[in-house]
Amino acid sequence: LLSGMGADELFLGYAGHQLTLMASYFDNLPQFLKSL
């Protein structure tokens, strides 16, 4: 059998990767907007 195991780790396919990308955008917001 051929498995795709490891592709999510390699190509950033998990939901946590999307949250990390969102957080990198939020890091540029003023602190009060980030906290709100």
Full PDB file with SEQRES, HELIX, SHEET, SSBOND, CRYST1, ORIGX, SCALE, CONECT and MASTER records, all heavy atoms in Angstrom:
SEQRES   1 A   36  LEU LEU SER GLY MET GLY ALA ASP GLU LEU PHE LEU GLY          
SEQRES   2 A   36  TYR ALA GLY HIS GLN LEU THR LEU MET ALA SER TYR PHE          
SEQRES   3 A   36  ASP ASN LEU PRO GLN PHE LEU LYS SER LEU                      
HELIX    1 AA1 ALA A    7  PHE A   11  1                                   5    
HELIX    2 AA2 ALA A   15  PHE A   26  1                                  12    
HELIX    3 AA3 GLN A   31  SER A   35  1                                   5    
CRYST1    1.000    1.000    1.000  90.00  90.00  90.00 P 1           1          
ORIGX1      1.000000  0.000000  0.000000        0.00000                         
ORIGX2      0.000000  1.000000  0.000000        0.00000                         
ORIGX3      0.000000  0.000000  1.000000        0.00000                         
SCALE1      1.000000  0.000000  0.000000        0.00000                         
SCALE2      0.000000  1.000000  0.000000        0.00000                         
SCALE3      0.000000  0.000000  1.000000        0.00000                         
ATOM      1  N   LEU A   1       0.843  -1.199   0.000  1.00  0.00           N  
ATOM      2  CA  LEU A   1       0.000   0.000   0.000  1.00  0.00           C  
ATOM      3  C   LEU A   1       0.873   1.241   0.000  1.00  0.00           C  
ATOM      4  O   LEU A   1       1.918   1.278   0.653  1.00  0.00           O  
ATOM      5  CB  LEU A   1      -0.883   0.047   1.249  1.00  0.00           C  
ATOM      6  CG  LEU A   1      -2.066  -0.887   1.335  1.00  0.00           C  
ATOM      7  CD1 LEU A   1      -2.799  -0.677   2.658  1.00  0.00           C  
ATOM      8  CD2 LEU A   1      -3.011  -0.670   0.181  1.00  0.00           C  
ATOM      9  N   LEU A   2       0.422   2.247  -0.703  1.00  0.00           N  
ATOM     10  CA  LEU A   2       1.084   3.543  -0.717  1.00  0.00           C  
ATOM     11  C   LEU A   2       0.287   4.462   0.200  1.00  0.00           C  
ATOM     12  O   LEU A   2      -0.924   4.590   0.057  1.00  0.00           O  
ATOM     13  CB  LEU A   2       1.099   4.094  -2.146  1.00  0.00           C  
ATOM     14  CG  LEU A   2       1.871   5.360  -2.405  1.00  0.00           C  
ATOM     15  CD1 LEU A   2       3.352   5.146  -2.106  1.00  0.00           C  
ATOM     16  CD2 LEU A   2       1.690   5.780  -3.855  1.00  0.00           C  
ATOM     17  N   SER A   3       0.958   5.083   1.166  1.00  0.00           N  
ATOM     18  CA  SER A   3       0.285   5.938   2.148  1.00  0.00           C  
ATOM     19  C   SER A   3       0.739   7.382   1.997  1.00  0.00           C  
ATOM     20  O   SER A   3       1.886   7.648   1.657  1.00  0.00           O  
ATOM     21  CB  SER A   3       0.616   5.441   3.562  1.00  0.00           C  
ATOM     22  OG  SER A   3       0.163   6.359   4.529  1.00  0.00           O  
ATOM     23  N   GLY A   4      -0.155   8.284   2.308  1.00  0.00           N  
ATOM     24  CA  GLY A   4       0.176   9.709   2.313  1.00  0.00           C  
ATOM     25  C   GLY A   4       0.653  10.195   3.667  1.00  0.00           C  
ATOM     26  O   GLY A   4       0.793  11.404   3.892  1.00  0.00           O  
ATOM     27  N   MET A   5       0.919   9.247   4.580  1.00  0.00           N  
ATOM     28  CA  MET A   5       1.365   9.608   5.928  1.00  0.00           C  
ATOM     29  C   MET A   5       2.598  10.497   5.845  1.00  0.00           C  
ATOM     30  O   MET A   5       3.543  10.199   5.127  1.00  0.00           O  
ATOM     31  CB  MET A   5       1.686   8.336   6.710  1.00  0.00           C  
ATOM     32  CG  MET A   5       1.923   8.569   8.176  1.00  0.00           C  
ATOM     33  SD  MET A   5       0.473   9.158   9.064  1.00  0.00           S  
ATOM     34  CE  MET A   5      -0.536   7.694   9.078  1.00  0.00           C  
ATOM     35  N   GLY A   6       2.560  11.601   6.558  1.00  0.00           N  
ATOM     36  CA  GLY A   6       3.678  12.542   6.581  1.00  0.00           C  
ATOM     37  C   GLY A   6       3.454  13.759   5.699  1.00  0.00           C  
ATOM     38  O   GLY A   6       4.137  14.769   5.857  1.00  0.00           O  
ATOM     39  N   ALA A   7       2.487  13.693   4.793  1.00  0.00           N  
ATOM     40  CA  ALA A   7       2.249  14.818   3.888  1.00  0.00           C  
ATOM     41  C   ALA A   7       1.702  16.038   4.630  1.00  0.00           C  
ATOM     42  O   ALA A   7       2.079  17.177   4.319  1.00  0.00           O  
ATOM     43  CB  ALA A   7       1.294  14.406   2.769  1.00  0.00           C  
ATOM     44  N   ASP A   8       0.830  15.826   5.617  1.00  0.00           N  
ATOM     45  CA  ASP A   8       0.299  16.970   6.377  1.00  0.00           C  
ATOM     46  C   ASP A   8       1.413  17.699   7.119  1.00  0.00           C  
ATOM     47  O   ASP A   8       1.414  18.924   7.190  1.00  0.00           O  
ATOM     48  CB  ASP A   8      -0.770  16.514   7.367  1.00  0.00           C  
ATOM     49  CG  ASP A   8      -2.084  16.187   6.688  1.00  0.00           C  
ATOM     50  OD1 ASP A   8      -2.441  16.888   5.730  1.00  0.00           O  
ATOM     51  OD2 ASP A   8      -2.758  15.242   7.124  1.00  0.00           O  
ATOM     52  N   GLU A   9       2.349  16.944   7.678  1.00  0.00           N  
ATOM     53  CA  GLU A   9       3.469  17.567   8.376  1.00  0.00           C  
ATOM     54  C   GLU A   9       4.379  18.309   7.397  1.00  0.00           C  
ATOM     55  O   GLU A   9       4.818  19.419   7.663  1.00  0.00           O  
ATOM     56  CB  GLU A   9       4.285  16.505   9.138  1.00  0.00           C  
ATOM     57  CG  GLU A   9       3.582  15.912  10.333  1.00  0.00           C  
ATOM     58  CD  GLU A   9       2.607  14.786   9.997  1.00  0.00           C  
ATOM     59  OE1 GLU A   9       2.492  14.411   8.810  1.00  0.00           O  
ATOM     60  OE2 GLU A   9       1.964  14.275  10.913  1.00  0.00           O  
ATOM     61  N   LEU A  10       4.625  17.713   6.268  1.00  0.00           N  
ATOM     62  CA  LEU A  10       5.534  18.297   5.285  1.00  0.00           C  
ATOM     63  C   LEU A  10       4.933  19.509   4.571  1.00  0.00           C  
ATOM     64  O   LEU A  10       5.609  20.516   4.354  1.00  0.00           O  
ATOM     65  CB  LEU A  10       5.923  17.231   4.259  1.00  0.00           C  
ATOM     66  CG  LEU A  10       6.970  17.587   3.235  1.00  0.00           C  
ATOM     67  CD1 LEU A  10       8.281  17.958   3.908  1.00  0.00           C  
ATOM     68  CD2 LEU A  10       7.196  16.425   2.277  1.00  0.00           C  
ATOM     69  N   PHE A  11       3.645  19.413   4.227  1.00  0.00           N  
ATOM     70  CA  PHE A  11       3.004  20.471   3.446  1.00  0.00           C  
ATOM     71  C   PHE A  11       2.056  21.343   4.273  1.00  0.00           C  
ATOM     72  O   PHE A  11       1.231  22.056   3.722  1.00  0.00           O  
ATOM     73  CB  PHE A  11       2.260  19.863   2.253  1.00  0.00           C  
ATOM     74  CG  PHE A  11       3.178  19.148   1.299  1.00  0.00           C  
ATOM     75  CD1 PHE A  11       3.074  17.785   1.123  1.00  0.00           C  
ATOM     76  CD2 PHE A  11       4.152  19.836   0.596  1.00  0.00           C  
ATOM     77  CE1 PHE A  11       3.919  17.114   0.248  1.00  0.00           C  
ATOM     78  CE2 PHE A  11       5.000  19.175  -0.276  1.00  0.00           C  
ATOM     79  CZ  PHE A  11       4.884  17.814  -0.450  1.00  0.00           C  
ATOM     80  N   LEU A  12       2.179  21.279   5.594  1.00  0.00           N  
ATOM     81  CA  LEU A  12       1.407  22.117   6.519  1.00  0.00           C  
ATOM     82  C   LEU A  12      -0.101  21.969   6.286  1.00  0.00           C  
ATOM     83  O   LEU A  12      -0.808  22.933   6.028  1.00  0.00           O  
ATOM     84  CB  LEU A  12       1.844  23.583   6.407  1.00  0.00           C  
ATOM     85  CG  LEU A  12       3.336  23.845   6.595  1.00  0.00           C  
ATOM     86  CD1 LEU A  12       3.686  25.286   6.289  1.00  0.00           C  
ATOM     87  CD2 LEU A  12       3.799  23.458   7.977  1.00  0.00           C  
ATOM     88  N   GLY A  13      -0.587  20.755   6.428  1.00  0.00           N  
ATOM     89  CA  GLY A  13      -1.984  20.455   6.133  1.00  0.00           C  
ATOM     90  C   GLY A  13      -2.914  20.370   7.320  1.00  0.00           C  
ATOM     91  O   GLY A  13      -4.093  20.078   7.157  1.00  0.00           O  
ATOM     92  N   TYR A  14      -2.438  20.616   8.523  1.00  0.00           N  
ATOM     93  CA  TYR A  14      -3.293  20.534   9.705  1.00  0.00           C  
ATOM     94  C   TYR A  14      -3.918  21.888  10.022  1.00  0.00           C  
ATOM     95  O   TYR A  14      -3.395  22.939   9.653  1.00  0.00           O  
ATOM     96  CB  TYR A  14      -2.497  20.052  10.922  1.00  0.00           C  
ATOM     97  CG  TYR A  14      -2.058  18.622  10.858  1.00  0.00           C  
ATOM     98  CD1 TYR A  14      -0.706  18.284  10.910  1.00  0.00           C  
ATOM     99  CD2 TYR A  14      -2.981  17.581  10.745  1.00  0.00           C  
ATOM    100  CE1 TYR A  14      -0.293  16.959  10.867  1.00  0.00           C  
ATOM    101  CE2 TYR A  14      -2.580  16.258  10.699  1.00  0.00           C  
ATOM    102  CZ  TYR A  14      -1.239  15.952  10.758  1.00  0.00           C  
ATOM    103  OH  TYR A  14      -0.833  14.650  10.707  1.00  0.00           O  
ATOM    104  N   ALA A  15      -5.023  21.857  10.753  1.00  0.00           N  
ATOM    105  CA  ALA A  15      -5.717  23.097  11.130  1.00  0.00           C  
ATOM    106  C   ALA A  15      -4.810  24.016  11.953  1.00  0.00           C  
ATOM    107  O   ALA A  15      -4.889  25.236  11.824  1.00  0.00           O  
ATOM    108  CB  ALA A  15      -6.988  22.768  11.908  1.00  0.00           C  
ATOM    109  N   GLY A  16      -3.962  23.443  12.784  1.00  0.00           N  
ATOM    110  CA  GLY A  16      -3.046  24.254  13.583  1.00  0.00           C  
ATOM    111  C   GLY A  16      -2.114  25.093  12.741  1.00  0.00           C  
ATOM    112  O   GLY A  16      -1.699  26.185  13.149  1.00  0.00           O  
ATOM    113  N   HIS A  17      -1.803  24.613  11.549  1.00  0.00           N  
ATOM    114  CA  HIS A  17      -0.951  25.396  10.644  1.00  0.00           C  
ATOM    115  C   HIS A  17      -1.695  26.646  10.172  1.00  0.00           C  
ATOM    116  O   HIS A  17      -1.104  27.723  10.056  1.00  0.00           O  
ATOM    117  CB  HIS A  17      -0.530  24.560   9.436  1.00  0.00           C  
ATOM    118  CG  HIS A  17       0.221  23.323   9.817  1.00  0.00           C  
ATOM    119  ND1 HIS A  17      -0.037  22.109   9.236  1.00  0.00           N  
ATOM    120  CD2 HIS A  17       1.202  23.101  10.716  1.00  0.00           C  
ATOM    121  CE1 HIS A  17       0.759  21.201   9.759  1.00  0.00           C  
ATOM    122  NE2 HIS A  17       1.518  21.773  10.656  1.00  0.00           N  
ATOM    123  N   GLN A  18      -2.989  26.492   9.922  1.00  0.00           N  
ATOM    124  CA  GLN A  18      -3.803  27.647   9.516  1.00  0.00           C  
ATOM    125  C   GLN A  18      -3.926  28.652  10.659  1.00  0.00           C  
ATOM    126  O   GLN A  18      -3.870  29.860  10.443  1.00  0.00           O  
ATOM    127  CB  GLN A  18      -5.183  27.186   9.053  1.00  0.00           C  
ATOM    128  CG  GLN A  18      -5.155  26.327   7.809  1.00  0.00           C  
ATOM    129  CD  GLN A  18      -4.502  27.047   6.641  1.00  0.00           C  
ATOM    130  OE1 GLN A  18      -4.806  28.199   6.363  1.00  0.00           O  
ATOM    131  NE2 GLN A  18      -3.602  26.374   5.955  1.00  0.00           N  
ATOM    132  N   LEU A  19      -4.091  28.146  11.891  1.00  0.00           N  
ATOM    133  CA  LEU A  19      -4.168  29.042  13.045  1.00  0.00           C  
ATOM    134  C   LEU A  19      -2.850  29.792  13.232  1.00  0.00           C  
ATOM    135  O   LEU A  19      -2.845  30.974  13.582  1.00  0.00           O  
ATOM    136  CB  LEU A  19      -4.511  28.253  14.306  1.00  0.00           C  
ATOM    137  CG  LEU A  19      -5.887  27.595  14.335  1.00  0.00           C  
ATOM    138  CD1 LEU A  19      -6.092  26.836  15.640  1.00  0.00           C  
ATOM    139  CD2 LEU A  19      -6.995  28.598  14.115  1.00  0.00           C  
ATOM    140  N   THR A  20      -1.749  29.127  12.980  1.00  0.00           N  
ATOM    141  CA  THR A  20      -0.440  29.777  13.083  1.00  0.00           C  
ATOM    142  C   THR A  20      -0.307  30.881  12.041  1.00  0.00           C  
ATOM    143  O   THR A  20       0.190  31.973  12.342  1.00  0.00           O  
ATOM    144  CB  THR A  20       0.686  28.733  12.929  1.00  0.00           C  
ATOM    145  OG1 THR A  20       0.557  27.780  13.979  1.00  0.00           O  
ATOM    146  CG2 THR A  20       2.055  29.374  12.973  1.00  0.00           C  
ATOM    147  N   LEU A  21      -0.764  30.631  10.832  1.00  0.00           N  
ATOM    148  CA  LEU A  21      -0.731  31.659   9.792  1.00  0.00           C  
ATOM    149  C   LEU A  21      -1.597  32.854  10.195  1.00  0.00           C  
ATOM    150  O   LEU A  21      -1.178  34.012  10.072  1.00  0.00           O  
ATOM    151  CB  LEU A  21      -1.201  31.077   8.459  1.00  0.00           C  
ATOM    152  CG  LEU A  21      -1.189  32.022   7.272  1.00  0.00           C  
ATOM    153  CD1 LEU A  21       0.227  32.520   6.982  1.00  0.00           C  
ATOM    154  CD2 LEU A  21      -1.767  31.338   6.038  1.00  0.00           C  
ATOM    155  N   MET A  22      -2.802  32.570  10.701  1.00  0.00           N  
ATOM    156  CA  MET A  22      -3.678  33.656  11.171  1.00  0.00           C  
ATOM    157  C   MET A  22      -2.995  34.452  12.278  1.00  0.00           C  
ATOM    158  O   MET A  22      -3.047  35.686  12.291  1.00  0.00           O  
ATOM    159  CB  MET A  22      -5.006  33.095  11.689  1.00  0.00           C  
ATOM    160  CG  MET A  22      -5.979  32.703  10.614  1.00  0.00           C  
ATOM    161  SD  MET A  22      -7.499  31.935  11.258  1.00  0.00           S  
ATOM    162  CE  MET A  22      -7.983  32.983  12.585  1.00  0.00           C  
ATOM    163  N   ALA A  23      -2.357  33.753  13.215  1.00  0.00           N  
ATOM    164  CA  ALA A  23      -1.695  34.428  14.331  1.00  0.00           C  
ATOM    165  C   ALA A  23      -0.570  35.336  13.836  1.00  0.00           C  
ATOM    166  O   ALA A  23      -0.351  36.413  14.397  1.00  0.00           O  
ATOM    167  CB  ALA A  23      -1.164  33.412  15.332  1.00  0.00           C  
ATOM    168  N   SER A  24       0.133  34.900  12.794  1.00  0.00           N  
ATOM    169  CA  SER A  24       1.217  35.745  12.270  1.00  0.00           C  
ATOM    170  C   SER A  24       0.658  37.046  11.709  1.00  0.00           C  
ATOM    171  O   SER A  24       1.307  38.091  11.794  1.00  0.00           O  
ATOM    172  CB  SER A  24       2.043  34.990  11.231  1.00  0.00           C  
ATOM    173  OG  SER A  24       1.315  34.772  10.049  1.00  0.00           O  
ATOM    174  N   TYR A  25      -0.555  37.019  11.141  1.00  0.00           N  
ATOM    175  CA  TYR A  25      -1.203  38.248  10.680  1.00  0.00           C  
ATOM    176  C   TYR A  25      -1.673  39.087  11.869  1.00  0.00           C  
ATOM    177  O   TYR A  25      -1.538  40.307  11.883  1.00  0.00           O  
ATOM    178  CB  TYR A  25      -2.387  37.937   9.767  1.00  0.00           C  
ATOM    179  CG  TYR A  25      -2.006  37.262   8.464  1.00  0.00           C  
ATOM    180  CD1 TYR A  25      -2.779  36.234   7.953  1.00  0.00           C  
ATOM    181  CD2 TYR A  25      -0.880  37.650   7.746  1.00  0.00           C  
ATOM    182  CE1 TYR A  25      -2.444  35.607   6.756  1.00  0.00           C  
ATOM    183  CE2 TYR A  25      -0.545  37.030   6.553  1.00  0.00           C  
ATOM    184  CZ  TYR A  25      -1.324  36.012   6.072  1.00  0.00           C  
ATOM    185  OH  TYR A  25      -0.990  35.395   4.885  1.00  0.00           O  
ATOM    186  N   PHE A  26      -2.228  38.414  12.875  1.00  0.00           N  
ATOM    187  CA  PHE A  26      -2.729  39.119  14.051  1.00  0.00           C  
ATOM    188  C   PHE A  26      -1.597  39.778  14.829  1.00  0.00           C  
ATOM    189  O   PHE A  26      -1.825  40.759  15.522  1.00  0.00           O  
ATOM    190  CB  PHE A  26      -3.501  38.153  14.964  1.00  0.00           C  
ATOM    191  CG  PHE A  26      -4.975  38.112  14.679  1.00  0.00           C  
ATOM    192  CD1 PHE A  26      -5.454  37.602  13.484  1.00  0.00           C  
ATOM    193  CD2 PHE A  26      -5.889  38.583  15.612  1.00  0.00           C  
ATOM    194  CE1 PHE A  26      -6.804  37.555  13.215  1.00  0.00           C  
ATOM    195  CE2 PHE A  26      -7.244  38.537  15.357  1.00  0.00           C  
ATOM    196  CZ  PHE A  26      -7.710  38.025  14.157  1.00  0.00           C  
ATOM    197  N   ASP A  27      -0.396  39.249  14.733  1.00  0.00           N  
ATOM    198  CA  ASP A  27       0.743  39.834  15.446  1.00  0.00           C  
ATOM    199  C   ASP A  27       1.022  41.258  14.987  1.00  0.00           C  
ATOM    200  O   ASP A  27       1.657  42.031  15.708  1.00  0.00           O  
ATOM    201  CB  ASP A  27       1.999  38.981  15.269  1.00  0.00           C  
ATOM    202  CG  ASP A  27       1.958  37.717  16.094  1.00  0.00           C  
ATOM    203  OD1 ASP A  27       1.110  37.620  17.016  1.00  0.00           O  
ATOM    204  OD2 ASP A  27       2.768  36.810  15.825  1.00  0.00           O  
ATOM    205  N   ASN A  28       0.538  41.632  13.812  1.00  0.00           N  
ATOM    206  CA  ASN A  28       0.755  42.982  13.284  1.00  0.00           C  
ATOM    207  C   ASN A  28      -0.322  43.966  13.726  1.00  0.00           C  
ATOM    208  O   ASN A  28      -0.216  45.154  13.441  1.00  0.00           O  
ATOM    209  CB  ASN A  28       0.815  42.944  11.755  1.00  0.00           C  
ATOM    210  CG  ASN A  28       1.997  42.146  11.264  1.00  0.00           C  
ATOM    211  OD1 ASN A  28       3.091  42.230  11.821  1.00  0.00           O  
ATOM    212  ND2 ASN A  28       1.796  41.337  10.241  1.00  0.00           N  
ATOM    213  N   LEU A  29      -1.338  43.472  14.420  1.00  0.00           N  
ATOM    214  CA  LEU A  29      -2.411  44.348  14.904  1.00  0.00           C  
ATOM    215  C   LEU A  29      -1.984  45.053  16.187  1.00  0.00           C  
ATOM    216  O   LEU A  29      -1.164  44.532  16.949  1.00  0.00           O  
ATOM    217  CB  LEU A  29      -3.679  43.539  15.205  1.00  0.00           C  
ATOM    218  CG  LEU A  29      -4.416  42.911  14.031  1.00  0.00           C  
ATOM    219  CD1 LEU A  29      -5.575  42.060  14.545  1.00  0.00           C  
ATOM    220  CD2 LEU A  29      -4.923  43.974  13.077  1.00  0.00           C  
ATOM    221  N   PRO A  30      -2.582  46.212  16.452  1.00  0.00           N  
ATOM    222  CA  PRO A  30      -2.343  46.838  17.759  1.00  0.00           C  
ATOM    223  C   PRO A  30      -2.826  45.896  18.869  1.00  0.00           C  
ATOM    224  O   PRO A  30      -3.784  45.141  18.677  1.00  0.00           O  
ATOM    225  CB  PRO A  30      -3.190  48.114  17.712  1.00  0.00           C  
ATOM    226  CG  PRO A  30      -3.482  48.345  16.270  1.00  0.00           C  
ATOM    227  CD  PRO A  30      -3.437  47.013  15.592  1.00  0.00           C  
ATOM    228  N   GLN A  31      -2.200  45.961  20.036  1.00  0.00           N  
ATOM    229  CA  GLN A  31      -2.490  45.030  21.125  1.00  0.00           C  
ATOM    230  C   GLN A  31      -3.961  45.053  21.534  1.00  0.00           C  
ATOM    231  O   GLN A  31      -4.550  44.009  21.800  1.00  0.00           O  
ATOM    232  CB  GLN A  31      -1.593  45.310  22.334  1.00  0.00           C  
ATOM    233  CG  GLN A  31      -1.761  44.319  23.473  1.00  0.00           C  
ATOM    234  CD  GLN A  31      -1.512  42.873  23.054  1.00  0.00           C  
ATOM    235  OE1 GLN A  31      -0.567  42.588  22.329  1.00  0.00           O  
ATOM    236  NE2 GLN A  31      -2.355  41.962  23.506  1.00  0.00           N  
ATOM    237  N   PHE A  32      -4.592  46.229  21.560  1.00  0.00           N  
ATOM    238  CA  PHE A  32      -5.995  46.282  21.997  1.00  0.00           C  
ATOM    239  C   PHE A  32      -6.908  45.541  21.020  1.00  0.00           C  
ATOM    240  O   PHE A  32      -7.851  44.872  21.432  1.00  0.00           O  
ATOM    241  CB  PHE A  32      -6.460  47.731  22.229  1.00  0.00           C  
ATOM    242  CG  PHE A  32      -6.864  48.476  20.982  1.00  0.00           C  
ATOM    243  CD1 PHE A  32      -8.184  48.489  20.552  1.00  0.00           C  
ATOM    244  CD2 PHE A  32      -5.915  49.165  20.237  1.00  0.00           C  
ATOM    245  CE1 PHE A  32      -8.550  49.186  19.408  1.00  0.00           C  
ATOM    246  CE2 PHE A  32      -6.270  49.852  19.089  1.00  0.00           C  
ATOM    247  CZ  PHE A  32      -7.600  49.862  18.666  1.00  0.00           C  
ATOM    248  N   LEU A  33      -6.621  45.607  19.721  1.00  0.00           N  
ATOM    249  CA  LEU A  33      -7.424  44.865  18.742  1.00  0.00           C  
ATOM    250  C   LEU A  33      -7.172  43.365  18.845  1.00  0.00           C  
ATOM    251  O   LEU A  33      -8.088  42.555  18.731  1.00  0.00           O  
ATOM    252  CB  LEU A  33      -7.107  45.332  17.319  1.00  0.00           C  
ATOM    253  CG  LEU A  33      -7.795  46.577  16.828  1.00  0.00           C  
ATOM    254  CD1 LEU A  33      -7.333  46.929  15.421  1.00  0.00           C  
ATOM    255  CD2 LEU A  33      -9.300  46.410  16.853  1.00  0.00           C  
ATOM    256  N   LYS A  34      -5.926  43.029  19.081  1.00  0.00           N  
ATOM    257  CA  LYS A  34      -5.559  41.626  19.248  1.00  0.00           C  
ATOM    258  C   LYS A  34      -6.277  41.037  20.470  1.00  0.00           C  
ATOM    259  O   LYS A  34      -6.860  39.954  20.412  1.00  0.00           O  
ATOM    260  CB  LYS A  34      -4.043  41.522  19.391  1.00  0.00           C  
ATOM    261  CG  LYS A  34      -3.476  40.151  19.295  1.00  0.00           C  
ATOM    262  CD  LYS A  34      -1.949  40.262  19.281  1.00  0.00           C  
ATOM    263  CE  LYS A  34      -1.295  38.980  19.649  1.00  0.00           C  
ATOM    264  NZ  LYS A  34       0.151  39.066  19.730  1.00  0.00           N  
ATOM    265  N   SER A  35      -6.262  41.768  21.570  1.00  0.00           N  
ATOM    266  CA  SER A  35      -6.919  41.309  22.799  1.00  0.00           C  
ATOM    267  C   SER A  35      -8.432  41.243  22.628  1.00  0.00           C  
ATOM    268  O   SER A  35      -9.068  40.286  23.084  1.00  0.00           O  
ATOM    269  CB  SER A  35      -6.563  42.222  23.966  1.00  0.00           C  
ATOM    270  OG  SER A  35      -5.199  42.131  24.253  1.00  0.00           O  
ATOM    271  N   LEU A  36      -9.009  42.249  21.988  1.00  0.00           N  
ATOM    272  CA  LEU A  36     -10.458  42.260  21.756  1.00  0.00           C  
ATOM    273  C   LEU A  36     -10.863  41.079  20.883  1.00  0.00           C  
ATOM    274  O   LEU A  36     -11.823  40.363  21.188  1.00  0.00           O  
ATOM    275  CB  LEU A  36     -10.886  43.580  21.103  1.00  0.00           C  
ATOM    276  CG  LEU A  36     -12.365  43.690  20.734  1.00  0.00           C  
ATOM    277  CD1 LEU A  36     -13.233  43.640  21.985  1.00  0.00           C  
ATOM    278  CD2 LEU A  36     -12.618  44.975  19.953  1.00  0.00           C  
TER     279      LEU A  36                                                      
MASTER        0    0    0    3    0    0    0    6  278    1    0    3          
END                                                                             
